[in-house]
Amino acid sequence: MDTFYFSHDYTARSDDKIKQLIRRHGMTGYGIYWAIVEDLYQNANALRIDCDGIAYDLRADCEMVRSVLFDFELFVHDGEKFGSHSVQRRLDQRNEKSKKARESASYRWNNANALQTKSDRNAIKESKVKESKINESKEDNTSTSPTAPVRVKREVFRPPTLEEIKSHAAETISGSRDAPEAFHDYYTSNGWKVGRNPMKDWKAAYKNWIKREKNGTYQQPISGQQFTGQTKPESEFERWKNLGTDLDKGRRQLAEMLGFPED
């Protein structure tokens, strides 16, 4: 059950009609008056004229109740029911406020939905605009407009030919005559990788190659690779070959190394 508050003027006892009521029936009559007013608020400002019933409900004297209803012009009657102009005025004010509150809530709700719908449309529109700009940028990255977005396209690495390496070496970097061929052979054999990573800039790699050539720090070539230029690390075969200049000396040294008795 909904509960409402009604205004109770703190100057009510100053009203001339209330003063007459109190002079005749004291505060008991005053209490009966406000109890009836409360019942009117709960019943849409219309109660059946039933003095006995009201008196029983309030545990009051029936004649006193009748006097409160009819003797002081505090209520209006139509023969069967009674009400109060003051109560009706306050109910109308409350209803008007409730109506305005409902209209205001409805407006805010509808406006919020409209804003949400508009926001959704704007979000979709903004998303489409961004997508369109991205597509335009992908389709045309050669625009001459100073404000056009510039997209740097990374070139796919293509291994250089030996002639390209020789031409680059002649134009930019000094090195041994065989450096271009050694560089080309080495990286061709290892799949054009720098360490474990695919090569991205062969010119930068060639520059480092020349530095290592000058410092005598070549990378270890792959077994079986033809290597030209600076002296490469001695292979196992070369160590055996260089143990002697003739077959007999080499055989004797080999026998000593392996612990075989001499012939």
C-alpha atoms as a PDB file:
ATOM      1  CA  MET A   1       0.000   0.000   0.000  1.00  0.00           C
ATOM      2  CA  ASP A   2       1.422   3.377  -1.027  1.00  0.00           C
ATOM      3  CA  THR A   3       1.931   5.915   1.761  1.00  0.00           C
ATOM      4  CA  PHE A   4       1.762   9.663   1.165  1.00  0.00           C
ATOM      5  CA  TYR A   5       2.344  12.695   3.335  1.00  0.00           C
ATOM      6  CA  PHE A   6      -0.125  15.561   3.453  1.00  0.00           C
ATOM      7  CA  SER A   7       0.693  19.069   4.578  1.00  0.00           C
ATOM      8  CA  HIS A   8      -0.390  19.936   8.083  1.00  0.00           C
ATOM      9  CA  ASP A   9      -0.179  23.687   8.464  1.00  0.00           C
ATOM     10  CA  TYR A  10       1.432  24.568  11.769  1.00  0.00           C
ATOM     11  CA  THR A  11      -0.980  27.543  11.932  1.00  0.00           C
ATOM     12  CA  ALA A  12      -4.065  25.287  11.717  1.00  0.00           C
ATOM     13  CA  ARG A  13      -5.103  26.062  15.299  1.00  0.00           C
ATOM     14  CA  SER A  14      -5.150  29.771  14.418  1.00  0.00           C
ATOM     15  CA  ASP A  15      -8.007  29.197  11.959  1.00  0.00           C
ATOM     16  CA  ASP A  16     -11.265  30.632  13.347  1.00  0.00           C
ATOM     17  CA  LYS A  17     -13.262  27.454  12.601  1.00  0.00           C
ATOM     18  CA  ILE A  18     -10.709  25.316  14.431  1.00  0.00           C
ATOM     19  CA  LYS A  19     -10.757  27.698  17.380  1.00  0.00           C
ATOM     20  CA  GLN A  20     -14.518  27.266  17.650  1.00  0.00           C
ATOM     21  CA  LEU A  21     -14.089  23.495  17.475  1.00  0.00           C
ATOM     22  CA  ILE A  22     -11.524  23.488  20.290  1.00  0.00           C
ATOM     23  CA  ARG A  23     -13.604  25.836  22.497  1.00  0.00           C
ATOM     24  CA  ARG A  24     -16.553  23.453  22.324  1.00  0.00           C
ATOM     25  CA  HIS A  25     -14.919  20.009  22.310  1.00  0.00           C
ATOM     26  CA  GLY A  26     -11.389  20.687  23.491  1.00  0.00           C
ATOM     27  CA  MET A  27      -8.413  18.773  22.088  1.00  0.00           C
ATOM     28  CA  THR A  28     -10.577  15.651  21.802  1.00  0.00           C
ATOM     29  CA  GLY A  29     -12.614  17.327  19.089  1.00  0.00           C
ATOM     30  CA  TYR A  30      -9.394  18.589  17.481  1.00  0.00           C
ATOM     31  CA  GLY A  31      -8.024  15.040  17.406  1.00  0.00           C
ATOM     32  CA  ILE A  32     -11.272  13.694  15.863  1.00  0.00           C
ATOM     33  CA  TYR A  33     -11.018  16.341  13.124  1.00  0.00           C
ATOM     34  CA  TRP A  34      -7.502  15.288  12.063  1.00  0.00           C
ATOM     35  CA  ALA A  35      -8.353  11.595  12.244  1.00  0.00           C
ATOM     36  CA  ILE A  36     -11.248  12.215   9.814  1.00  0.00           C
ATOM     37  CA  VAL A  37      -8.945  14.257   7.541  1.00  0.00           C
ATOM     38  CA  GLU A  38      -6.499  11.317   7.420  1.00  0.00           C
ATOM     39  CA  ASP A  39      -9.332   8.980   6.380  1.00  0.00           C
ATOM     40  CA  LEU A  40     -10.400  11.413   3.632  1.00  0.00           C
ATOM     41  CA  TYR A  41      -6.848  11.406   2.192  1.00  0.00           C
ATOM     42  CA  GLN A  42      -6.938   7.621   2.058  1.00  0.00           C
ATOM     43  CA  ASN A  43     -10.364   7.526   0.363  1.00  0.00           C
ATOM     44  CA  ALA A  44     -10.026  10.120  -2.406  1.00  0.00           C
ATOM     45  CA  ASN A  45     -11.689  12.810  -0.244  1.00  0.00           C
ATOM     46  CA  ALA A  46     -15.070  11.052  -0.031  1.00  0.00           C
ATOM     47  CA  LEU A  47     -16.486   9.222   2.990  1.00  0.00           C
ATOM     48  CA  ARG A  48     -19.990   7.985   3.682  1.00  0.00           C
ATOM     49  CA  ILE A  49     -21.828   9.936   6.393  1.00  0.00           C
ATOM     50  CA  ASP A  50     -21.810   7.336   9.148  1.00  0.00           C
ATOM     51  CA  CYS A  51     -21.350   8.987  12.497  1.00  0.00           C
ATOM     52  CA  ASP A  52     -21.839   5.737  14.419  1.00  0.00           C
ATOM     53  CA  GLY A  53     -19.212   3.947  12.338  1.00  0.00           C
ATOM     54  CA  ILE A  54     -16.697   6.797  12.655  1.00  0.00           C
ATOM     55  CA  ALA A  55     -17.339   7.072  16.399  1.00  0.00           C
ATOM     56  CA  TYR A  56     -16.801   3.320  16.827  1.00  0.00           C
ATOM     57  CA  ASP A  57     -13.598   3.416  14.798  1.00  0.00           C
ATOM     58  CA  LEU A  58     -12.221   6.376  16.775  1.00  0.00           C
ATOM     59  CA  ARG A  59     -13.615   5.194  20.123  1.00  0.00           C
ATOM     60  CA  ALA A  60     -15.314   8.570  20.400  1.00  0.00           C
ATOM     61  CA  ASP A  61     -18.771   9.881  21.273  1.00  0.00           C
ATOM     62  CA  CYS A  62     -21.149   9.730  18.276  1.00  0.00           C
ATOM     63  CA  GLU A  63     -22.672  13.164  18.999  1.00  0.00           C
ATOM     64  CA  MET A  64     -19.233  14.732  19.163  1.00  0.00           C
ATOM     65  CA  VAL A  65     -18.367  13.204  15.794  1.00  0.00           C
ATOM     66  CA  ARG A  66     -21.595  14.532  14.304  1.00  0.00           C
ATOM     67  CA  SER A  67     -20.843  17.995  15.693  1.00  0.00           C
ATOM     68  CA  VAL A  68     -17.320  17.974  14.168  1.00  0.00           C
ATOM     69  CA  LEU A  69     -18.780  17.027  10.783  1.00  0.00           C
ATOM     70  CA  PHE A  70     -21.621  19.520  10.632  1.00  0.00           C
ATOM     71  CA  ASP A  71     -21.268  22.382  13.128  1.00  0.00           C
ATOM     72  CA  PHE A  72     -18.093  24.206  12.095  1.00  0.00           C
ATOM     73  CA  GLU A  73     -18.167  24.260   8.264  1.00  0.00           C
ATOM     74  CA  LEU A  74     -14.999  22.180   8.203  1.00  0.00           C
ATOM     75  CA  PHE A  75     -16.469  19.693   5.694  1.00  0.00           C
ATOM     76  CA  VAL A  76     -18.884  19.737   2.744  1.00  0.00           C
ATOM     77  CA  HIS A  77     -21.804  17.277   2.382  1.00  0.00           C
ATOM     78  CA  ASP A  78     -24.042  16.024  -0.431  1.00  0.00           C
ATOM     79  CA  GLY A  79     -26.533  14.093   1.733  1.00  0.00           C
ATOM     80  CA  GLU A  80     -24.709  10.741   1.547  1.00  0.00           C
ATOM     81  CA  LYS A  81     -21.021  11.572   1.542  1.00  0.00           C
ATOM     82  CA  PHE A  82     -18.795  14.305   2.819  1.00  0.00           C
ATOM     83  CA  GLY A  83     -15.368  15.692   1.957  1.00  0.00           C
ATOM     84  CA  SER A  84     -13.124  18.734   2.453  1.00  0.00           C
ATOM     85  CA  HIS A  85     -12.194  21.591   0.109  1.00  0.00           C
ATOM     86  CA  SER A  86      -8.829  21.873   1.804  1.00  0.00           C
ATOM     87  CA  VAL A  87      -8.114  18.174   1.330  1.00  0.00           C
ATOM     88  CA  GLN A  88      -9.208  18.290  -2.307  1.00  0.00           C
ATOM     89  CA  ARG A  89      -6.958  21.261  -3.032  1.00  0.00           C
ATOM     90  CA  ARG A  90      -3.961  19.434  -1.624  1.00  0.00           C
ATOM     91  CA  LEU A  91      -4.835  16.227  -3.490  1.00  0.00           C
ATOM     92  CA  ASP A  92      -5.047  18.179  -6.746  1.00  0.00           C
ATOM     93  CA  GLN A  93      -1.648  19.716  -6.066  1.00  0.00           C
ATOM     94  CA  ARG A  94      -0.179  16.303  -5.326  1.00  0.00           C
ATOM     95  CA  ASN A  95      -1.717  14.798  -8.460  1.00  0.00           C
ATOM     96  CA  GLU A  96      -0.434  17.679 -10.545  1.00  0.00           C
ATOM     97  CA  LYS A  97       3.061  17.178  -9.185  1.00  0.00           C
ATOM     98  CA  SER A  98       2.807  13.447  -9.836  1.00  0.00           C
ATOM     99  CA  LYS A  99       1.657  14.099 -13.399  1.00  0.00           C
ATOM    100  CA  LYS A 100       4.513  16.493 -14.029  1.00  0.00           C
ATOM    101  CA  ALA A 101       6.933  14.032 -12.471  1.00  0.00           C
ATOM    102  CA  ARG A 102       5.666  11.257 -14.753  1.00  0.00           C
ATOM    103  CA  GLU A 103       5.901  13.528 -17.787  1.00  0.00           C
ATOM    104  CA  SER A 104       9.400  14.601 -16.795  1.00  0.00           C
ATOM    105  CA  ALA A 105      10.475  10.986 -16.248  1.00  0.00           C
ATOM    106  CA  SER A 106       8.936   9.993 -19.571  1.00  0.00           C
ATOM    107  CA  TYR A 107      10.747  12.849 -21.307  1.00  0.00           C
ATOM    108  CA  ARG A 108      14.072  11.914 -19.755  1.00  0.00           C
ATOM    109  CA  TRP A 109      13.564   8.269 -20.632  1.00  0.00           C
ATOM    110  CA  ASN A 110      12.605   8.991 -24.239  1.00  0.00           C
ATOM    111  CA  ASN A 111      15.406  11.511 -24.565  1.00  0.00           C
ATOM    112  CA  ALA A 112      17.901   9.010 -23.146  1.00  0.00           C
ATOM    113  CA  ASN A 113      16.735   6.398 -25.667  1.00  0.00           C
ATOM    114  CA  ALA A 114      17.023   8.954 -28.464  1.00  0.00           C
ATOM    115  CA  LEU A 115      20.531   9.875 -27.348  1.00  0.00           C
ATOM    116  CA  GLN A 116      21.465   6.207 -27.133  1.00  0.00           C
ATOM    117  CA  THR A 117      20.108   5.541 -30.606  1.00  0.00           C
ATOM    118  CA  LYS A 118      21.888   8.613 -31.930  1.00  0.00           C
ATOM    119  CA  SER A 119      25.083   7.556 -30.197  1.00  0.00           C
ATOM    120  CA  ASP A 120      24.819   4.082 -31.730  1.00  0.00           C
ATOM    121  CA  ARG A 121      24.264   5.618 -35.172  1.00  0.00           C
ATOM    122  CA  ASN A 122      27.215   7.950 -34.674  1.00  0.00           C
ATOM    123  CA  ALA A 123      29.392   5.052 -33.530  1.00  0.00           C
ATOM    124  CA  ILE A 124      28.436   3.039 -36.619  1.00  0.00           C
ATOM    125  CA  LYS A 125      28.994   6.066 -38.820  1.00  0.00           C
ATOM    126  CA  GLU A 126      32.370   6.783 -37.216  1.00  0.00           C
ATOM    127  CA  SER A 127      33.372   3.145 -37.612  1.00  0.00           C
ATOM    128  CA  LYS A 128      32.450   3.231 -41.303  1.00  0.00           C
ATOM    129  CA  VAL A 129      34.391   6.481 -41.787  1.00  0.00           C
ATOM    130  CA  LYS A 130      37.486   4.966 -40.175  1.00  0.00           C
ATOM    131  CA  GLU A 131      37.137   1.820 -42.260  1.00  0.00           C
ATOM    132  CA  SER A 132      36.715   3.925 -45.401  1.00  0.00           C
ATOM    133  CA  LYS A 133      39.837   5.950 -44.596  1.00  0.00           C
ATOM    134  CA  ILE A 134      41.844   2.787 -43.991  1.00  0.00           C
ATOM    135  CA  ASN A 135      40.667   1.308 -47.296  1.00  0.00           C
ATOM    136  CA  GLU A 136      41.478   4.531 -49.120  1.00  0.00           C
ATOM    137  CA  SER A 137      44.916   4.562 -47.580  1.00  0.00           C
ATOM    138  CA  LYS A 138      45.506   0.952 -48.666  1.00  0.00           C
ATOM    139  CA  GLU A 139      44.226   1.566 -52.199  1.00  0.00           C
ATOM    140  CA  ASP A 140      46.116   4.813 -52.788  1.00  0.00           C
ATOM    141  CA  ASN A 141      49.343   5.443 -50.905  1.00  0.00           C
ATOM    142  CA  THR A 142      50.849   7.528 -53.717  1.00  0.00           C
ATOM    143  CA  SER A 143      48.731  10.630 -53.139  1.00  0.00           C
ATOM    144  CA  THR A 144      50.571  13.919 -53.712  1.00  0.00           C
ATOM    145  CA  SER A 145      48.426  15.755 -51.164  1.00  0.00           C
ATOM    146  CA  PRO A 146      50.589  17.134 -48.310  1.00  0.00           C
ATOM    147  CA  THR A 147      47.959  16.010 -45.808  1.00  0.00           C
ATOM    148  CA  ALA A 148      47.502  12.500 -47.222  1.00  0.00           C
ATOM    149  CA  PRO A 149      48.614   9.694 -44.872  1.00  0.00           C
ATOM    150  CA  VAL A 150      51.991   8.224 -45.849  1.00  0.00           C
ATOM    151  CA  ARG A 151      52.357   4.465 -45.612  1.00  0.00           C
ATOM    152  CA  VAL A 152      55.878   3.062 -45.840  1.00  0.00           C
ATOM    153  CA  LYS A 153      55.816  -0.214 -47.714  1.00  0.00           C
ATOM    154  CA  ARG A 154      58.561  -2.636 -46.683  1.00  0.00           C
ATOM    155  CA  GLU A 155      60.229  -4.227 -49.694  1.00  0.00           C
ATOM    156  CA  VAL A 156      60.556  -7.987 -49.832  1.00  0.00           C
ATOM    157  CA  PHE A 157      64.211  -9.015 -49.655  1.00  0.00           C
ATOM    158  CA  ARG A 158      65.681 -10.205 -52.957  1.00  0.00           C
ATOM    159  CA  PRO A 159      69.145 -11.768 -52.932  1.00  0.00           C
ATOM    160  CA  PRO A 160      71.567  -9.686 -55.014  1.00  0.00           C
ATOM    161  CA  THR A 161      73.370 -11.056 -58.014  1.00  0.00           C
ATOM    162  CA  LEU A 162      77.136 -11.248 -58.070  1.00  0.00           C
ATOM    163  CA  GLU A 163      77.229  -8.383 -60.587  1.00  0.00           C
ATOM    164  CA  GLU A 164      75.144  -6.190 -58.269  1.00  0.00           C
ATOM    165  CA  ILE A 165      77.531  -6.881 -55.409  1.00  0.00           C
ATOM    166  CA  LYS A 166      80.579  -6.094 -57.573  1.00  0.00           C
ATOM    167  CA  SER A 167      78.974  -2.865 -58.784  1.00  0.00           C
ATOM    168  CA  HIS A 168      78.117  -1.828 -55.237  1.00  0.00           C
ATOM    169  CA  ALA A 169      81.641  -2.657 -54.020  1.00  0.00           C
ATOM    170  CA  ALA A 170      83.202  -0.624 -56.832  1.00  0.00           C
ATOM    171  CA  GLU A 171      81.058   2.406 -56.090  1.00  0.00           C
ATOM    172  CA  THR A 172      81.016   2.531 -52.313  1.00  0.00           C
ATOM    173  CA  ILE A 173      83.241   0.174 -50.331  1.00  0.00           C
ATOM    174  CA  SER A 174      86.894  -0.707 -50.776  1.00  0.00           C
ATOM    175  CA  GLY A 175      87.912  -4.286 -50.162  1.00  0.00           C
ATOM    176  CA  SER A 176      89.798  -7.167 -51.648  1.00  0.00           C
ATOM    177  CA  ARG A 177      89.235  -8.106 -55.275  1.00  0.00           C
ATOM    178  CA  ASP A 178      87.674 -11.411 -54.261  1.00  0.00           C
ATOM    179  CA  ALA A 179      85.429  -9.988 -51.519  1.00  0.00           C
ATOM    180  CA  PRO A 180      82.237  -9.753 -53.647  1.00  0.00           C
ATOM    181  CA  GLU A 181      82.539 -13.385 -54.778  1.00  0.00           C
ATOM    182  CA  ALA A 182      83.333 -14.602 -51.264  1.00  0.00           C
ATOM    183  CA  PHE A 183      80.376 -12.666 -49.867  1.00  0.00           C
ATOM    184  CA  HIS A 184      78.038 -13.958 -52.573  1.00  0.00           C
ATOM    185  CA  ASP A 185      79.172 -17.583 -52.215  1.00  0.00           C
ATOM    186  CA  TYR A 186      78.949 -17.565 -48.426  1.00  0.00           C
ATOM    187  CA  TYR A 187      75.437 -16.154 -48.108  1.00  0.00           C
ATOM    188  CA  THR A 188      74.146 -18.113 -51.084  1.00  0.00           C
ATOM    189  CA  SER A 189      75.183 -21.313 -49.334  1.00  0.00           C
ATOM    190  CA  ASN A 190      73.473 -20.404 -46.019  1.00  0.00           C
ATOM    191  CA  GLY A 191      70.254 -19.171 -47.581  1.00  0.00           C
ATOM    192  CA  TRP A 192      71.014 -15.469 -47.111  1.00  0.00           C
ATOM    193  CA  LYS A 193      70.690 -15.527 -43.354  1.00  0.00           C
ATOM    194  CA  VAL A 194      72.444 -13.422 -40.736  1.00  0.00           C
ATOM    195  CA  GLY A 195      72.796 -15.798 -37.832  1.00  0.00           C
ATOM    196  CA  ARG A 196      69.374 -17.503 -37.660  1.00  0.00           C
ATOM    197  CA  ASN A 197      67.419 -14.571 -39.086  1.00  0.00           C
ATOM    198  CA  PRO A 198      66.689 -13.893 -42.756  1.00  0.00           C
ATOM    199  CA  MET A 199      68.793 -11.089 -44.198  1.00  0.00           C
ATOM    200  CA  LYS A 200      66.971  -7.778 -44.674  1.00  0.00           C
ATOM    201  CA  ASP A 201      69.705  -5.471 -46.061  1.00  0.00           C
ATOM    202  CA  TRP A 202      72.470  -7.082 -48.062  1.00  0.00           C
ATOM    203  CA  LYS A 203      74.356  -3.802 -48.492  1.00  0.00           C
ATOM    204  CA  ALA A 204      74.645  -3.414 -44.716  1.00  0.00           C
ATOM    205  CA  ALA A 205      75.740  -7.053 -44.481  1.00  0.00           C
ATOM    206  CA  TYR A 206      78.410  -6.481 -47.145  1.00  0.00           C
ATOM    207  CA  LYS A 207      79.700  -3.466 -45.239  1.00  0.00           C
ATOM    208  CA  ASN A 208      80.174  -5.663 -42.159  1.00  0.00           C
ATOM    209  CA  TRP A 209      81.808  -8.305 -44.351  1.00  0.00           C
ATOM    210  CA  ILE A 210      84.466  -5.827 -45.474  1.00  0.00           C
ATOM    211  CA  LYS A 211      85.095  -4.813 -41.859  1.00  0.00           C
ATOM    212  CA  ARG A 212      85.679  -8.456 -40.904  1.00  0.00           C
ATOM    213  CA  GLU A 213      87.902  -8.901 -43.960  1.00  0.00           C
ATOM    214  CA  LYS A 214      90.113  -6.021 -42.851  1.00  0.00           C
ATOM    215  CA  ASN A 215      90.209  -7.342 -39.273  1.00  0.00           C
ATOM    216  CA  GLY A 216      90.822 -10.940 -40.387  1.00  0.00           C
ATOM    217  CA  THR A 217      87.623 -12.155 -38.655  1.00  0.00           C
ATOM    218  CA  TYR A 218      85.706 -13.914 -41.400  1.00  0.00           C
ATOM    219  CA  GLN A 219      82.684 -15.980 -40.415  1.00  0.00           C
ATOM    220  CA  GLN A 220      83.363 -19.744 -40.449  1.00  0.00           C
ATOM    221  CA  PRO A 221      82.281 -20.939 -43.951  1.00  0.00           C
ATOM    222  CA  ILE A 222      80.114 -23.963 -44.430  1.00  0.00           C
ATOM    223  CA  SER A 223      81.947 -27.256 -44.983  1.00  0.00           C
ATOM    224  CA  GLY A 224      82.768 -27.800 -48.636  1.00  0.00           C
ATOM    225  CA  GLN A 225      82.257 -24.112 -49.576  1.00  0.00           C
ATOM    226  CA  GLN A 226      84.682 -22.500 -51.990  1.00  0.00           C
ATOM    227  CA  PHE A 227      86.260 -19.645 -50.057  1.00  0.00           C
ATOM    228  CA  THR A 228      88.354 -16.911 -51.584  1.00  0.00           C
ATOM    229  CA  GLY A 229      89.930 -13.769 -50.205  1.00  0.00           C
ATOM    230  CA  GLN A 230      91.684 -13.685 -46.840  1.00  0.00           C
ATOM    231  CA  THR A 231      93.162 -16.870 -45.421  1.00  0.00           C
ATOM    232  CA  LYS A 232      90.422 -19.052 -43.994  1.00  0.00           C
ATOM    233  CA  PRO A 233      90.814 -21.242 -40.886  1.00  0.00           C
ATOM    234  CA  GLU A 234      92.836 -24.346 -41.559  1.00  0.00           C
ATOM    235  CA  SER A 235      90.742 -27.467 -42.189  1.00  0.00           C
ATOM    236  CA  GLU A 236      91.376 -30.914 -40.744  1.00  0.00           C
ATOM    237  CA  PHE A 237      92.636 -32.109 -44.127  1.00  0.00           C
ATOM    238  CA  GLU A 238      95.083 -29.249 -44.406  1.00  0.00           C
ATOM    239  CA  ARG A 239      96.475 -29.935 -40.947  1.00  0.00           C
ATOM    240  CA  TRP A 240      97.230 -33.507 -41.988  1.00  0.00           C
ATOM    241  CA  LYS A 241      98.569 -32.412 -45.347  1.00  0.00           C
ATOM    242  CA  ASN A 242     100.905 -29.888 -43.800  1.00  0.00           C
ATOM    243  CA  LEU A 243     102.431 -32.388 -41.358  1.00  0.00           C
ATOM    244  CA  GLY A 244     105.085 -33.118 -43.934  1.00  0.00           C
ATOM    245  CA  THR A 245     106.162 -32.108 -47.384  1.00  0.00           C
ATOM    246  CA  ASP A 246     106.675 -35.635 -48.585  1.00  0.00           C
ATOM    247  CA  LEU A 247     104.853 -38.909 -48.132  1.00  0.00           C
ATOM    248  CA  ASP A 248     107.485 -40.597 -45.956  1.00  0.00           C
ATOM    249  CA  LYS A 249     107.691 -37.766 -43.451  1.00  0.00           C
ATOM    250  CA  GLY A 250     103.949 -37.536 -43.287  1.00  0.00           C
ATOM    251  CA  ARG A 251     103.641 -41.314 -42.808  1.00  0.00           C
ATOM    252  CA  ARG A 252     106.200 -41.282 -39.969  1.00  0.00           C
ATOM    253  CA  GLN A 253     104.539 -38.389 -38.206  1.00  0.00           C
ATOM    254  CA  LEU A 254     101.130 -40.032 -38.645  1.00  0.00           C
ATOM    255  CA  ALA A 255     102.448 -43.279 -37.171  1.00  0.00           C
ATOM    256  CA  GLU A 256     103.827 -41.409 -34.188  1.00  0.00           C
ATOM    257  CA  MET A 257     100.543 -39.620 -33.609  1.00  0.00           C
ATOM    258  CA  LEU A 258      98.557 -42.842 -33.804  1.00  0.00           C
ATOM    259  CA  GLY A 259     101.030 -44.846 -31.723  1.00  0.00           C
ATOM    260  CA  PHE A 260     101.927 -47.329 -34.481  1.00  0.00           C
ATOM    261  CA  PRO A 261     105.445 -48.859 -34.426  1.00  0.00           C
ATOM    262  CA  GLU A 262     107.764 -47.695 -37.172  1.00  0.00           C
ATOM    263  CA  ASP A 263     108.483 -50.078 -40.063  1.00  0.00           C
END
